């Protein structure tokens, strides 16, 4: 761990007043360091104090004091860490995740305008099933255009690295995406992968219009050339949007075509990175 400067330790000294509102936590007093703590959780998903201390070069005690302030302001909350496979002895580790207010403190500014626009699209065609399909058509067009921007990066990647290539492209668009390898239930079978999005800029809108999540999942399937399964979404209250990508060789899916008409990648791949929670 890196050495800590007097300024870093002073920032986290006990007895500092905690701002009364979520906005003040990020804008007043120890804004810079607490913003780094919150941003690290946004980028990496639910994190323990030890994880945050290692990433940010702070002491665990200093991080806990910042977490206390963020928790008091309603920006983060503590939860039990999910464990994959057998759990060791002792108490499960505590991790901290951003709340809806925590995500709002970053960049979810035009939710109401977007919701009103989608509701107008639905109402214009009469609402009901016709309205739902109109919103779904918009969502497919929107994520289809987004997918075209990712097409070259995914197509250039090796078969075993395409999920990681997609994660990198998503991260460039603010989704803070990682990939986690998942062992297969069958002995000696190749591992699949979980594509994890630790931030979703449209999460609040997707709560009202699930067609957005469905269209995004369809585009992932087309880009990776295989059927994928959405396991969890931030819009439904999960800490991370998690999509399961089967190992190479699984049943293929229709590929996404670029504006020029060329086919996308044929088969999904796997990669490694961070952890994710599946509901």
Protein backbone atom coordinates (compact mmCIF):
# COMPACT_ATOMS: atom_id res chain seq x y z
CA UNK A 1 0.00 0.00 0.00
CA UNK A 2 1.23 3.48 -0.76
CA UNK A 3 2.40 5.82 1.96
CA UNK A 4 -0.20 8.22 3.27
CA UNK A 5 0.44 11.93 3.28
CA UNK A 6 -0.44 14.08 6.31
CA UNK A 7 -3.11 15.70 4.16
CA UNK A 8 -4.73 12.31 3.47
CA UNK A 9 -4.80 11.43 7.15
CA UNK A 10 -6.06 14.89 8.12
CA UNK A 11 -8.94 14.53 5.68
CA UNK A 12 -10.15 11.47 7.54
CA UNK A 13 -9.53 12.70 11.10
CA UNK A 14 -12.24 11.80 13.64
CA UNK A 15 -14.62 14.41 14.93
CA UNK A 16 -15.30 15.99 11.55
CA UNK A 17 -18.88 17.10 11.05
CA UNK A 18 -20.94 15.07 8.62
CA UNK A 19 -22.91 17.26 6.18
CA UNK A 20 -26.66 16.96 6.61
CA UNK A 21 -27.59 16.20 3.01
CA UNK A 22 -26.36 13.92 0.25
CA UNK A 23 -25.37 16.86 -1.94
CA UNK A 24 -23.28 18.38 0.86
CA UNK A 25 -21.30 15.17 1.32
CA UNK A 26 -19.97 15.48 -2.21
CA UNK A 27 -19.73 19.26 -2.30
CA UNK A 28 -18.50 20.33 1.16
CA UNK A 29 -15.77 19.54 3.68
CA UNK A 30 -14.05 16.30 2.67
CA UNK A 31 -15.69 16.24 -0.74
CA UNK A 32 -12.62 15.17 -2.73
CA UNK A 33 -11.77 12.03 -0.75
CA UNK A 34 -15.35 11.00 -0.11
CA UNK A 35 -16.10 11.52 -3.78
CA UNK A 36 -13.20 9.18 -4.59
CA UNK A 37 -14.61 6.56 -2.21
CA UNK A 38 -18.09 6.83 -3.74
CA UNK A 39 -16.68 6.82 -7.26
CA UNK A 40 -14.65 3.69 -6.53
CA UNK A 41 -17.82 1.91 -5.41
CA UNK A 42 -19.57 3.12 -8.56
CA UNK A 43 -16.77 1.82 -10.79
CA UNK A 44 -16.12 -1.48 -9.02
CA UNK A 45 -19.45 -2.37 -7.45
CA UNK A 46 -20.10 -3.29 -3.81
CA UNK A 47 -16.75 -3.08 -2.00
CA UNK A 48 -15.35 -3.76 1.45
CA UNK A 49 -13.44 -1.12 3.40
CA UNK A 50 -10.26 -3.11 2.81
CA UNK A 51 -10.86 -3.19 -0.96
CA UNK A 52 -11.42 0.56 -1.03
CA UNK A 53 -8.35 1.25 1.10
CA UNK A 54 -6.19 -0.81 -1.26
CA UNK A 55 -7.54 0.88 -4.39
CA UNK A 56 -7.35 4.43 -3.03
CA UNK A 57 -4.14 4.24 -1.01
CA UNK A 58 -5.83 5.12 2.29
CA UNK A 59 -5.89 3.35 5.63
CA UNK A 60 -8.88 1.09 6.30
CA UNK A 61 -9.74 3.27 9.31
CA UNK A 62 -9.80 6.40 7.14
CA UNK A 63 -12.02 4.70 4.57
CA UNK A 64 -14.43 3.55 7.27
CA UNK A 65 -14.81 7.12 8.53
CA UNK A 66 -15.65 8.29 5.00
CA UNK A 67 -18.06 5.38 4.61
CA UNK A 68 -19.72 6.40 7.88
CA UNK A 69 -20.28 9.87 6.46
CA UNK A 70 -21.61 8.55 3.16
CA UNK A 71 -23.89 6.12 5.00
CA UNK A 72 -25.22 8.86 7.30
CA UNK A 73 -26.05 10.94 4.23
CA UNK A 74 -27.84 8.01 2.58
CA UNK A 75 -25.37 7.67 -0.30
CA UNK A 76 -24.18 4.15 0.54
CA UNK A 77 -25.49 1.25 2.59
CA UNK A 78 -23.84 -1.85 4.01
CA UNK A 79 -24.78 -5.39 3.07
CA UNK A 80 -23.47 -8.90 3.48
CA UNK A 81 -21.00 -9.91 0.78
CA UNK A 82 -22.22 -12.64 -1.58
CA UNK A 83 -19.96 -15.68 -1.66
CA UNK A 84 -19.65 -17.97 -4.67
CA UNK A 85 -18.91 -21.57 -3.77
CA UNK A 86 -18.21 -22.77 -0.23
CA UNK A 87 -18.01 -20.16 2.52
CA UNK A 88 -15.16 -20.20 5.01
CA UNK A 89 -15.55 -19.99 8.75
CA UNK A 90 -16.23 -16.72 10.51
CA UNK A 91 -18.53 -13.79 9.89
CA UNK A 92 -19.20 -12.84 6.25
CA UNK A 93 -17.48 -9.69 5.06
CA UNK A 94 -19.45 -6.45 4.94
CA UNK A 95 -19.49 -4.56 1.64
CA UNK A 96 -20.78 -1.10 0.80
CA UNK A 97 -22.95 -0.30 -2.21
CA UNK A 98 -24.32 2.95 -3.61
CA UNK A 99 -27.95 3.73 -2.88
CA UNK A 100 -30.26 5.36 -5.42
CA UNK A 101 -29.36 8.72 -3.86
CA UNK A 102 -25.67 7.86 -4.26
CA UNK A 103 -26.12 7.18 -7.95
CA UNK A 104 -28.15 10.37 -8.32
CA UNK A 105 -25.22 12.34 -6.91
CA UNK A 106 -23.23 11.46 -10.02
CA UNK A 107 -24.91 11.74 -13.40
CA UNK A 108 -28.56 10.74 -13.63
CA UNK A 109 -29.90 14.18 -14.40
CA UNK A 110 -32.64 13.97 -17.02
CA UNK A 111 -34.71 11.03 -15.77
CA UNK A 112 -38.04 12.82 -15.70
CA UNK A 113 -37.64 14.22 -19.21
CA UNK A 114 -36.75 10.76 -20.57
CA UNK A 115 -39.67 9.13 -18.73
CA UNK A 116 -42.07 11.75 -20.06
CA UNK A 117 -40.80 11.21 -23.61
CA UNK A 118 -41.25 7.44 -23.44
CA UNK A 119 -44.69 7.82 -21.89
CA UNK A 120 -45.62 10.19 -24.74
CA UNK A 121 -44.47 7.59 -27.29
CA UNK A 122 -46.66 5.00 -25.58
CA UNK A 123 -49.70 7.26 -25.30
CA UNK A 124 -49.42 8.45 -28.90
CA UNK A 125 -50.17 4.95 -30.21
CA UNK A 126 -52.97 4.37 -27.72
CA UNK A 127 -51.15 2.88 -24.76
CA UNK A 128 -51.62 -0.74 -23.72
CA UNK A 129 -49.79 -3.42 -25.67
CA UNK A 130 -49.38 -1.09 -28.64
CA UNK A 131 -47.71 1.45 -26.37
CA UNK A 132 -45.42 -1.16 -24.85
CA UNK A 133 -44.34 -2.28 -28.31
CA UNK A 134 -43.74 1.30 -29.42
CA UNK A 135 -41.42 1.84 -26.44
CA UNK A 136 -39.74 -1.51 -27.17
CA UNK A 137 -39.17 -0.45 -30.80
CA UNK A 138 -37.56 2.78 -29.61
CA UNK A 139 -35.38 0.85 -27.13
CA UNK A 140 -34.23 -1.61 -29.82
CA UNK A 141 -33.35 1.24 -32.16
CA UNK A 142 -31.51 3.14 -29.42
CA UNK A 143 -29.45 0.19 -28.17
CA UNK A 144 -28.97 -1.07 -31.72
CA UNK A 145 -27.19 2.17 -32.63
CA UNK A 146 -25.15 1.92 -29.44
CA UNK A 147 -24.25 -1.68 -30.31
CA UNK A 148 -22.97 -0.64 -33.73
CA UNK A 149 -20.35 1.51 -31.99
CA UNK A 150 -19.13 -1.57 -30.12
CA UNK A 151 -19.18 -3.87 -33.14
CA UNK A 152 -15.62 -3.36 -34.37
CA UNK A 153 -14.08 -3.72 -30.92
CA UNK A 154 -15.93 -6.97 -30.25
CA UNK A 155 -15.23 -8.37 -33.71
CA UNK A 156 -11.48 -7.66 -33.43
CA UNK A 157 -11.19 -9.50 -30.11
CA UNK A 158 -10.10 -13.12 -29.82
CA UNK A 159 -12.90 -15.62 -29.20
CA UNK A 160 -12.03 -15.89 -25.51
CA UNK A 161 -11.90 -12.12 -24.98
CA UNK A 162 -15.06 -10.83 -26.64
CA UNK A 163 -17.02 -10.39 -23.42
CA UNK A 164 -14.10 -8.37 -22.04
CA UNK A 165 -14.00 -6.27 -25.22
CA UNK A 166 -17.69 -5.53 -24.80
CA UNK A 167 -17.12 -4.62 -21.14
CA UNK A 168 -14.39 -2.16 -22.11
CA UNK A 169 -16.66 -0.55 -24.70
CA UNK A 170 -19.48 -0.27 -22.15
CA UNK A 171 -17.11 1.27 -19.60
CA UNK A 172 -16.15 3.94 -22.11
CA UNK A 173 -19.85 4.86 -22.18
CA UNK A 174 -20.07 5.10 -18.37
CA UNK A 175 -21.37 1.64 -17.46
CA UNK A 176 -18.33 0.66 -15.32
CA UNK A 177 -18.40 -2.88 -16.73
CA UNK A 178 -16.24 -5.88 -15.80
CA UNK A 179 -16.25 -9.59 -16.62
CA UNK A 180 -16.10 -12.49 -14.16
CA UNK A 181 -15.43 -16.11 -15.17
CA UNK A 182 -18.00 -18.57 -13.83
CA UNK A 183 -17.10 -22.29 -13.46
CA UNK A 184 -19.35 -24.70 -15.32
CA UNK A 185 -21.51 -27.14 -13.40
CA UNK A 186 -20.30 -29.95 -15.66
CA UNK A 187 -16.87 -31.41 -14.93
CA UNK A 188 -14.10 -30.16 -17.22
CA UNK A 189 -16.58 -28.04 -19.19
CA UNK A 190 -15.36 -24.56 -20.23
CA UNK A 191 -16.35 -21.70 -17.97
CA UNK A 192 -18.95 -19.13 -18.91
CA UNK A 193 -18.77 -15.49 -17.91
CA UNK A 194 -20.77 -12.86 -16.10
CA UNK A 195 -20.78 -9.44 -17.74
CA UNK A 196 -21.22 -7.00 -14.86
CA UNK A 197 -22.33 -3.39 -15.24
CA UNK A 198 -21.74 -1.55 -11.98
CA UNK A 199 -23.49 1.58 -13.17
CA UNK A 200 -26.50 2.15 -15.41
CA UNK A 201 -27.21 5.71 -16.61
CA UNK A 202 -30.84 4.78 -17.37
CA UNK A 203 -31.59 2.66 -14.29
CA UNK A 204 -34.38 4.90 -12.99
CA UNK A 205 -36.08 4.97 -16.39
CA UNK A 206 -35.73 1.19 -16.78
CA UNK A 207 -37.66 0.76 -13.51
CA UNK A 208 -40.68 2.16 -15.35
CA UNK A 209 -39.85 0.82 -18.82
CA UNK A 210 -38.27 -2.67 -18.64
CA UNK A 211 -38.13 -2.69 -22.45
CA UNK A 212 -34.82 -0.83 -22.09
CA UNK A 213 -33.20 -3.74 -20.23
CA UNK A 214 -34.71 -6.25 -22.64
CA UNK A 215 -33.41 -4.39 -25.70
CA UNK A 216 -29.94 -4.07 -24.19
CA UNK A 217 -29.85 -7.81 -23.50
CA UNK A 218 -30.86 -8.52 -27.11
CA UNK A 219 -28.01 -6.35 -28.38
CA UNK A 220 -25.51 -8.15 -26.13
CA UNK A 221 -26.70 -11.46 -27.56
CA UNK A 222 -26.30 -10.19 -31.11
CA UNK A 223 -22.87 -8.70 -30.49
CA UNK A 224 -21.54 -11.85 -28.84
CA UNK A 225 -23.30 -14.22 -31.25
CA UNK A 226 -24.83 -16.41 -28.53
CA UNK A 227 -27.88 -16.52 -26.30
CA UNK A 228 -27.21 -14.57 -23.09
CA UNK A 229 -29.24 -14.47 -19.89
CA UNK A 230 -29.87 -11.42 -17.72
CA UNK A 231 -29.49 -12.48 -14.09
CA UNK A 232 -29.88 -9.18 -12.25
CA UNK A 233 -30.45 -5.49 -12.94
CA UNK A 234 -29.90 -2.28 -11.03
CA UNK A 235 -33.36 -1.21 -12.21
CA UNK A 236 -34.89 -4.10 -10.23
CA UNK A 237 -32.97 -3.26 -7.07
CA UNK A 238 -29.83 -5.36 -7.54
CA UNK A 239 -26.42 -3.86 -6.89
CA UNK A 240 -25.07 -4.75 -10.34
CA UNK A 241 -26.56 -5.50 -13.77
CA UNK A 242 -25.37 -9.05 -14.43
CA UNK A 243 -25.62 -10.91 -17.73
CA UNK A 244 -24.53 -14.54 -18.12
CA UNK A 245 -22.54 -15.30 -21.28
CA UNK A 246 -22.18 -19.02 -22.12
CA UNK A 247 -18.80 -20.53 -22.92
CA UNK A 248 -17.65 -20.65 -26.56
CA UNK A 249 -19.39 -23.37 -28.52
CA UNK A 250 -22.85 -22.78 -27.05
CA UNK A 251 -25.85 -22.28 -29.31
CA UNK A 252 -25.37 -19.20 -31.48
CA UNK A 253 -27.64 -16.19 -31.78
CA UNK A 254 -28.45 -13.89 -34.74
CA UNK A 255 -25.59 -11.45 -35.17
CA UNK A 256 -25.81 -7.71 -35.17
CA UNK A 257 -25.25 -6.06 -38.52
CA UNK A 258 -23.41 -2.80 -38.82
CA UNK A 259 -24.74 0.11 -40.82
CA UNK A 260 -22.77 -1.21 -43.77
CA UNK A 261 -24.46 -4.60 -43.54
CA UNK A 262 -21.48 -6.72 -42.41
CA UNK A 263 -22.05 -9.46 -39.84
CA UNK A 264 -20.83 -9.17 -36.29
CA UNK A 265 -18.85 -11.69 -34.28
CA UNK A 266 -20.01 -15.32 -34.51
CA UNK A 267 -19.58 -16.81 -31.04
CA UNK A 268 -19.35 -15.49 -27.48
CA UNK A 269 -16.21 -15.65 -25.40
CA UNK A 270 -15.21 -15.32 -21.77
CA UNK A 271 -12.77 -13.28 -19.76
CA UNK A 272 -11.93 -12.43 -16.16
CA UNK A 273 -12.29 -9.54 -13.75
CA UNK A 274 -14.48 -8.48 -10.93
CA UNK A 275 -17.29 -10.04 -8.95
CA UNK A 276 -21.02 -9.55 -9.41
CA UNK A 277 -24.18 -10.40 -7.55
CA UNK A 278 -26.99 -12.36 -9.16
CA UNK A 279 -30.43 -12.12 -7.69
